[in-house]
Amino acid sequence: MEQTNQILNLDPGPSQLISAICDEIGLEELLNEQLEWDEQRCNLSPGTRLKALIINILCDRQPLCHISEFFQTLDVKMLFDPDVAAKDLNEYCIGRALDALYEGVLNPCHLCLPEARPAILDAP
């Protein structure tokens, strides 16, 4: 039997930059602190799931039902965590994160990231 070697070419596009900006402003940590979630039952935190939604919206705007297919073309382990797989980022987990966001944040101004502004807008 002939064995062929296959190389998977992933085109990250702007996803790495968007992920780095989210990490720089501490988006995941802020969302995880603000939103209620059960760490024992949840495979991914709401911050990770909402970061995935932001990356999807800013890169390709795939419909929510195709979001796991979108992440199959990206290096998910580099964007999030080595434990995260593309199949974990599906429409159901993103939907639960959106539900948690709706229930947990009555006023979107609570997520203004006041501590992150000086780091981003730091002028000499």
N, C-alpha and C. Protein backbone atom coordinates (compact mmCIF):
# COMPACT_ATOMS: atom_id res chain seq x y z
N MET A 1 0.84 -1.17 0.00
CA MET A 1 0.00 0.00 0.00
C MET A 1 0.89 1.24 0.00
N GLU A 2 0.56 2.18 -0.85
CA GLU A 2 1.35 3.39 -0.98
C GLU A 2 0.88 4.43 0.03
N GLN A 3 1.83 5.01 0.73
CA GLN A 3 1.50 6.03 1.73
C GLN A 3 1.88 7.40 1.17
N THR A 4 0.98 8.33 1.28
CA THR A 4 1.26 9.69 0.81
C THR A 4 1.31 10.63 2.00
N ASN A 5 2.20 11.56 1.93
CA ASN A 5 2.29 12.58 2.98
C ASN A 5 1.43 13.76 2.57
N GLN A 6 0.67 14.25 3.52
CA GLN A 6 -0.20 15.38 3.25
C GLN A 6 0.17 16.53 4.16
N ILE A 7 0.18 17.71 3.60
CA ILE A 7 0.44 18.91 4.38
C ILE A 7 -0.82 19.76 4.35
N LEU A 8 -1.27 20.15 5.52
CA LEU A 8 -2.45 20.99 5.62
C LEU A 8 -2.00 22.43 5.70
N ASN A 9 -2.40 23.22 4.73
CA ASN A 9 -2.03 24.63 4.67
C ASN A 9 -3.16 25.45 5.26
N LEU A 10 -2.88 26.15 6.34
CA LEU A 10 -3.89 26.97 7.00
C LEU A 10 -3.59 28.44 6.73
N ASP A 11 -4.57 29.18 6.26
CA ASP A 11 -4.42 30.60 6.01
C ASP A 11 -5.06 31.36 7.17
N PRO A 12 -4.27 31.90 8.08
CA PRO A 12 -4.85 32.52 9.27
C PRO A 12 -5.54 33.84 9.02
N GLY A 13 -5.16 34.55 7.96
CA GLY A 13 -5.76 35.86 7.72
C GLY A 13 -5.52 36.77 8.92
N PRO A 14 -6.48 37.61 9.26
CA PRO A 14 -6.30 38.52 10.40
C PRO A 14 -6.62 37.89 11.76
N SER A 15 -6.91 36.60 11.79
CA SER A 15 -7.35 35.97 13.04
C SER A 15 -6.29 36.05 14.14
N GLN A 16 -5.02 35.93 13.79
CA GLN A 16 -3.96 36.01 14.80
C GLN A 16 -3.89 37.40 15.42
N LEU A 17 -4.02 38.42 14.60
CA LEU A 17 -3.99 39.80 15.10
C LEU A 17 -5.19 40.07 16.00
N ILE A 18 -6.36 39.63 15.60
CA ILE A 18 -7.57 39.84 16.41
C ILE A 18 -7.44 39.11 17.73
N SER A 19 -6.92 37.89 17.70
CA SER A 19 -6.71 37.12 18.92
C SER A 19 -5.71 37.82 19.84
N ALA A 20 -4.64 38.35 19.28
CA ALA A 20 -3.63 39.05 20.08
C ALA A 20 -4.21 40.31 20.72
N ILE A 21 -5.04 41.03 19.99
CA ILE A 21 -5.67 42.23 20.56
C ILE A 21 -6.61 41.85 21.70
N CYS A 22 -7.39 40.79 21.50
CA CYS A 22 -8.28 40.32 22.58
C CYS A 22 -7.48 39.91 23.81
N ASP A 23 -6.34 39.27 23.60
CA ASP A 23 -5.48 38.88 24.71
C ASP A 23 -4.87 40.10 25.40
N GLU A 24 -4.47 41.09 24.61
CA GLU A 24 -3.84 42.29 25.16
C GLU A 24 -4.79 43.06 26.07
N ILE A 25 -6.05 43.15 25.69
CA ILE A 25 -7.01 43.90 26.50
C ILE A 25 -7.65 43.04 27.59
N GLY A 26 -7.33 41.76 27.62
CA GLY A 26 -7.86 40.87 28.66
C GLY A 26 -9.34 40.58 28.50
N LEU A 27 -9.79 40.46 27.26
CA LEU A 27 -11.21 40.26 26.99
C LEU A 27 -11.75 38.97 27.61
N GLU A 28 -11.03 37.87 27.43
CA GLU A 28 -11.53 36.59 27.97
C GLU A 28 -11.67 36.64 29.48
N GLU A 29 -10.65 37.16 30.16
CA GLU A 29 -10.68 37.21 31.62
C GLU A 29 -11.82 38.11 32.11
N LEU A 30 -12.00 39.25 31.45
CA LEU A 30 -13.06 40.17 31.85
C LEU A 30 -14.44 39.52 31.69
N LEU A 31 -14.66 38.86 30.56
CA LEU A 31 -15.94 38.20 30.34
C LEU A 31 -16.16 37.06 31.34
N ASN A 32 -15.10 36.31 31.62
CA ASN A 32 -15.23 35.20 32.57
C ASN A 32 -15.56 35.70 33.98
N GLU A 33 -15.05 36.89 34.34
CA GLU A 33 -15.36 37.47 35.64
C GLU A 33 -16.78 38.03 35.68
N GLN A 34 -17.23 38.62 34.58
CA GLN A 34 -18.54 39.29 34.55
C GLN A 34 -19.71 38.31 34.41
N LEU A 35 -19.48 37.19 33.74
CA LEU A 35 -20.58 36.28 33.41
C LEU A 35 -20.58 35.08 34.33
N GLU A 36 -21.77 34.59 34.64
CA GLU A 36 -21.90 33.38 35.46
C GLU A 36 -21.76 32.15 34.58
N TRP A 37 -20.93 31.21 35.04
CA TRP A 37 -20.78 29.95 34.30
C TRP A 37 -20.22 28.90 35.25
N ASP A 38 -20.50 27.66 34.95
CA ASP A 38 -20.10 26.54 35.78
C ASP A 38 -18.82 25.93 35.22
N GLU A 39 -17.71 26.14 35.90
CA GLU A 39 -16.41 25.65 35.42
C GLU A 39 -16.35 24.13 35.38
N GLN A 40 -17.16 23.45 36.20
CA GLN A 40 -17.15 21.99 36.22
C GLN A 40 -17.87 21.40 35.01
N ARG A 41 -18.92 22.07 34.55
CA ARG A 41 -19.73 21.54 33.46
C ARG A 41 -19.34 22.06 32.09
N CYS A 42 -18.71 23.23 32.04
CA CYS A 42 -18.39 23.85 30.75
C CYS A 42 -17.02 23.42 30.27
N ASN A 43 -16.95 23.04 29.02
CA ASN A 43 -15.68 22.67 28.41
C ASN A 43 -14.86 23.92 28.09
N LEU A 44 -15.54 24.97 27.64
CA LEU A 44 -14.90 26.24 27.31
C LEU A 44 -15.56 27.36 28.10
N SER A 45 -14.76 28.35 28.46
CA SER A 45 -15.31 29.49 29.19
C SER A 45 -16.09 30.39 28.24
N PRO A 46 -17.01 31.20 28.78
CA PRO A 46 -17.73 32.13 27.91
C PRO A 46 -16.79 33.13 27.24
N GLY A 47 -15.72 33.49 27.91
CA GLY A 47 -14.76 34.41 27.31
C GLY A 47 -14.11 33.83 26.06
N THR A 48 -13.75 32.55 26.12
CA THR A 48 -13.16 31.88 24.96
C THR A 48 -14.18 31.78 23.83
N ARG A 49 -15.40 31.44 24.17
CA ARG A 49 -16.44 31.29 23.15
C ARG A 49 -16.78 32.61 22.48
N LEU A 50 -16.86 33.68 23.28
CA LEU A 50 -17.17 34.99 22.69
C LEU A 50 -15.99 35.55 21.91
N LYS A 51 -14.78 35.23 22.33
CA LYS A 51 -13.60 35.61 21.54
C LYS A 51 -13.65 34.91 20.18
N ALA A 52 -14.07 33.66 20.17
CA ALA A 52 -14.21 32.93 18.91
C ALA A 52 -15.24 33.59 18.01
N LEU A 53 -16.34 34.04 18.59
CA LEU A 53 -17.37 34.72 17.80
C LEU A 53 -16.84 36.03 17.22
N ILE A 54 -16.08 36.78 18.01
CA ILE A 54 -15.50 38.04 17.53
C ILE A 54 -14.54 37.77 16.38
N ILE A 55 -13.69 36.76 16.51
CA ILE A 55 -12.76 36.42 15.43
C ILE A 55 -13.53 36.04 14.17
N ASN A 56 -14.58 35.26 14.33
CA ASN A 56 -15.39 34.87 13.17
C ASN A 56 -16.05 36.07 12.50
N ILE A 57 -16.61 36.96 13.29
CA ILE A 57 -17.30 38.12 12.72
C ILE A 57 -16.32 39.03 11.99
N LEU A 58 -15.15 39.26 12.57
CA LEU A 58 -14.20 40.19 11.95
C LEU A 58 -13.42 39.58 10.79
N CYS A 59 -13.36 38.25 10.71
CA CYS A 59 -12.60 37.61 9.63
C CYS A 59 -13.46 37.23 8.44
N ASP A 60 -14.55 36.52 8.70
CA ASP A 60 -15.25 35.91 7.58
C ASP A 60 -16.77 36.02 7.65
N ARG A 61 -17.31 36.31 8.82
CA ARG A 61 -18.75 36.43 9.03
C ARG A 61 -19.52 35.21 8.56
N GLN A 62 -19.05 34.03 8.94
CA GLN A 62 -19.79 32.81 8.66
C GLN A 62 -21.05 32.79 9.51
N PRO A 63 -22.14 32.23 9.01
CA PRO A 63 -23.33 32.07 9.85
C PRO A 63 -22.99 31.19 11.06
N LEU A 64 -23.73 31.40 12.11
CA LEU A 64 -23.45 30.67 13.35
C LEU A 64 -23.49 29.16 13.15
N CYS A 65 -24.33 28.69 12.24
CA CYS A 65 -24.42 27.24 12.01
C CYS A 65 -23.17 26.69 11.31
N HIS A 66 -22.32 27.53 10.75
CA HIS A 66 -21.10 27.08 10.07
C HIS A 66 -19.83 27.50 10.80
N ILE A 67 -19.95 27.92 12.05
CA ILE A 67 -18.79 28.47 12.74
C ILE A 67 -17.71 27.41 12.99
N SER A 68 -18.09 26.17 13.25
CA SER A 68 -17.07 25.13 13.47
C SER A 68 -16.31 24.85 12.18
N GLU A 69 -16.98 24.94 11.03
CA GLU A 69 -16.30 24.77 9.75
C GLU A 69 -15.30 25.90 9.52
N PHE A 70 -15.65 27.11 9.93
CA PHE A 70 -14.74 28.25 9.81
C PHE A 70 -13.46 27.99 10.60
N PHE A 71 -13.59 27.47 11.82
CA PHE A 71 -12.42 27.27 12.66
C PHE A 71 -11.61 26.03 12.26
N GLN A 72 -12.15 25.17 11.42
CA GLN A 72 -11.36 24.05 10.92
C GLN A 72 -10.28 24.51 9.96
N THR A 73 -10.41 25.71 9.42
CA THR A 73 -9.41 26.25 8.50
C THR A 73 -8.36 27.09 9.22
N LEU A 74 -8.45 27.20 10.54
CA LEU A 74 -7.52 28.01 11.32
C LEU A 74 -6.77 27.15 12.33
N ASP A 75 -5.66 27.68 12.82
CA ASP A 75 -4.90 27.01 13.86
C ASP A 75 -5.51 27.37 15.22
N VAL A 76 -6.50 26.61 15.62
CA VAL A 76 -7.28 26.91 16.82
C VAL A 76 -6.42 26.83 18.07
N LYS A 77 -5.48 25.92 18.11
CA LYS A 77 -4.63 25.76 19.30
C LYS A 77 -3.78 27.01 19.53
N MET A 78 -3.39 27.68 18.45
CA MET A 78 -2.60 28.90 18.59
C MET A 78 -3.49 30.09 18.97
N LEU A 79 -4.70 30.14 18.46
CA LEU A 79 -5.58 31.26 18.72
C LEU A 79 -6.13 31.25 20.14
N PHE A 80 -6.37 30.06 20.69
CA PHE A 80 -7.01 29.97 21.99
C PHE A 80 -6.12 29.27 23.00
N ASP A 81 -6.21 27.97 23.05
CA ASP A 81 -5.51 27.17 24.05
C ASP A 81 -5.17 25.84 23.40
N PRO A 82 -4.12 25.17 23.85
CA PRO A 82 -3.82 23.85 23.25
C PRO A 82 -4.93 22.82 23.45
N ASP A 83 -5.81 23.05 24.41
CA ASP A 83 -6.89 22.09 24.68
C ASP A 83 -8.13 22.32 23.83
N VAL A 84 -8.19 23.43 23.11
CA VAL A 84 -9.38 23.78 22.32
C VAL A 84 -9.27 23.16 20.94
N ALA A 85 -10.36 22.53 20.50
CA ALA A 85 -10.43 21.96 19.15
C ALA A 85 -11.53 22.69 18.37
N ALA A 86 -11.42 22.65 17.05
CA ALA A 86 -12.40 23.34 16.20
C ALA A 86 -13.81 22.80 16.43
N LYS A 87 -13.93 21.51 16.70
CA LYS A 87 -15.26 20.92 16.92
C LYS A 87 -15.91 21.42 18.21
N ASP A 88 -15.08 21.93 19.15
CA ASP A 88 -15.62 22.50 20.39
C ASP A 88 -16.31 23.84 20.16
N LEU A 89 -15.92 24.52 19.09
CA LEU A 89 -16.47 25.84 18.78
C LEU A 89 -17.62 25.68 17.80
N ASN A 90 -18.75 25.23 18.30
CA ASN A 90 -19.91 25.01 17.43
C ASN A 90 -21.02 26.01 17.78
N GLU A 91 -22.08 25.96 17.01
CA GLU A 91 -23.16 26.94 17.18
C GLU A 91 -23.84 26.82 18.54
N TYR A 92 -23.83 25.64 19.13
CA TYR A 92 -24.49 25.46 20.43
C TYR A 92 -23.69 26.12 21.54
N CYS A 93 -22.36 25.93 21.53
CA CYS A 93 -21.55 26.53 22.60
C CYS A 93 -21.51 28.05 22.45
N ILE A 94 -21.47 28.55 21.21
CA ILE A 94 -21.49 30.00 21.00
C ILE A 94 -22.85 30.56 21.43
N GLY A 95 -23.92 29.84 21.13
CA GLY A 95 -25.25 30.27 21.54
C GLY A 95 -25.39 30.35 23.05
N ARG A 96 -24.83 29.36 23.77
CA ARG A 96 -24.88 29.40 25.23
C ARG A 96 -24.09 30.59 25.77
N ALA A 97 -22.97 30.93 25.12
CA ALA A 97 -22.19 32.09 25.55
C ALA A 97 -22.97 33.38 25.32
N LEU A 98 -23.68 33.46 24.21
CA LEU A 98 -24.51 34.64 23.95
C LEU A 98 -25.64 34.75 24.96
N ASP A 99 -26.22 33.61 25.35
CA ASP A 99 -27.25 33.62 26.39
C ASP A 99 -26.67 34.12 27.71
N ALA A 100 -25.47 33.65 28.06
CA ALA A 100 -24.82 34.08 29.30
C ALA A 100 -24.51 35.58 29.24
N LEU A 101 -24.10 36.06 28.08
CA LEU A 101 -23.82 37.49 27.92
C LEU A 101 -25.10 38.31 28.10
N TYR A 102 -26.19 37.84 27.53
CA TYR A 102 -27.47 38.55 27.66
C TYR A 102 -27.93 38.57 29.12
N GLU A 103 -27.80 37.45 29.80
CA GLU A 103 -28.26 37.36 31.19
C GLU A 103 -27.34 38.10 32.15
N GLY A 104 -26.05 38.15 31.84
CA GLY A 104 -25.08 38.67 32.79
C GLY A 104 -24.78 40.14 32.67
N VAL A 105 -25.00 40.72 31.52
CA VAL A 105 -24.63 42.12 31.32
C VAL A 105 -25.88 42.89 30.95
N LEU A 106 -26.40 43.63 31.93
CA LEU A 106 -27.59 44.42 31.66
C LEU A 106 -27.26 45.66 30.83
N ASN A 107 -26.09 46.22 31.07
CA ASN A 107 -25.67 47.42 30.36
C ASN A 107 -24.37 47.13 29.64
N PRO A 108 -24.32 47.24 28.31
CA PRO A 108 -23.08 46.95 27.58
C PRO A 108 -21.92 47.84 27.99
N CYS A 109 -22.20 48.98 28.62
CA CYS A 109 -21.11 49.86 29.06
C CYS A 109 -20.30 49.23 30.19
N HIS A 110 -20.81 48.18 30.81
CA HIS A 110 -20.03 47.49 31.84
C HIS A 110 -18.80 46.84 31.25
N LEU A 111 -18.80 46.61 29.95
CA LEU A 111 -17.68 45.96 29.29
C LEU A 111 -16.78 46.96 28.56
N CYS A 112 -16.69 48.18 29.07
CA CYS A 112 -15.91 49.22 28.39
C CYS A 112 -14.41 49.04 28.55
N LEU A 113 -13.97 48.14 29.38
CA LEU A 113 -12.55 47.85 29.58
C LEU A 113 -11.77 49.09 30.00
N PRO A 114 -12.11 49.73 31.12
CA PRO A 114 -11.41 50.97 31.48
C PRO A 114 -9.93 50.76 31.75
N GLU A 115 -9.55 49.60 32.27
CA GLU A 115 -8.13 49.37 32.56
C GLU A 115 -7.33 49.08 31.30
N ALA A 116 -7.99 48.73 30.21
CA ALA A 116 -7.26 48.41 28.98
C ALA A 116 -7.01 49.65 28.12
N ARG A 117 -7.80 50.69 28.31
CA ARG A 117 -7.65 51.87 27.46
C ARG A 117 -6.27 52.50 27.53
N PRO A 118 -5.67 52.69 28.70
CA PRO A 118 -4.34 53.31 28.71
C PRO A 118 -3.30 52.50 27.95
N ALA A 119 -3.38 51.18 27.98
CA ALA A 119 -2.39 50.36 27.28
C ALA A 119 -2.54 50.50 25.77
N ILE A 120 -3.76 50.65 25.29
CA ILE A 120 -3.99 50.74 23.85
C ILE A 120 -3.79 52.17 23.35
N LEU A 121 -4.30 53.14 24.10
CA LEU A 121 -4.27 54.52 23.65
C LEU A 121 -3.11 55.31 24.26
N ASP A 122 -2.10 54.63 24.74
CA ASP A 122 -0.98 55.28 25.40
C ASP A 122 -0.22 56.14 24.39
N ALA A 123 -0.31 57.43 24.58
CA ALA A 123 0.40 58.36 23.69
C ALA A 123 1.66 58.85 24.39
N PRO A 124 2.75 58.99 23.65
CA PRO A 124 4.00 59.46 24.28
C PRO A 124 3.92 60.90 24.72
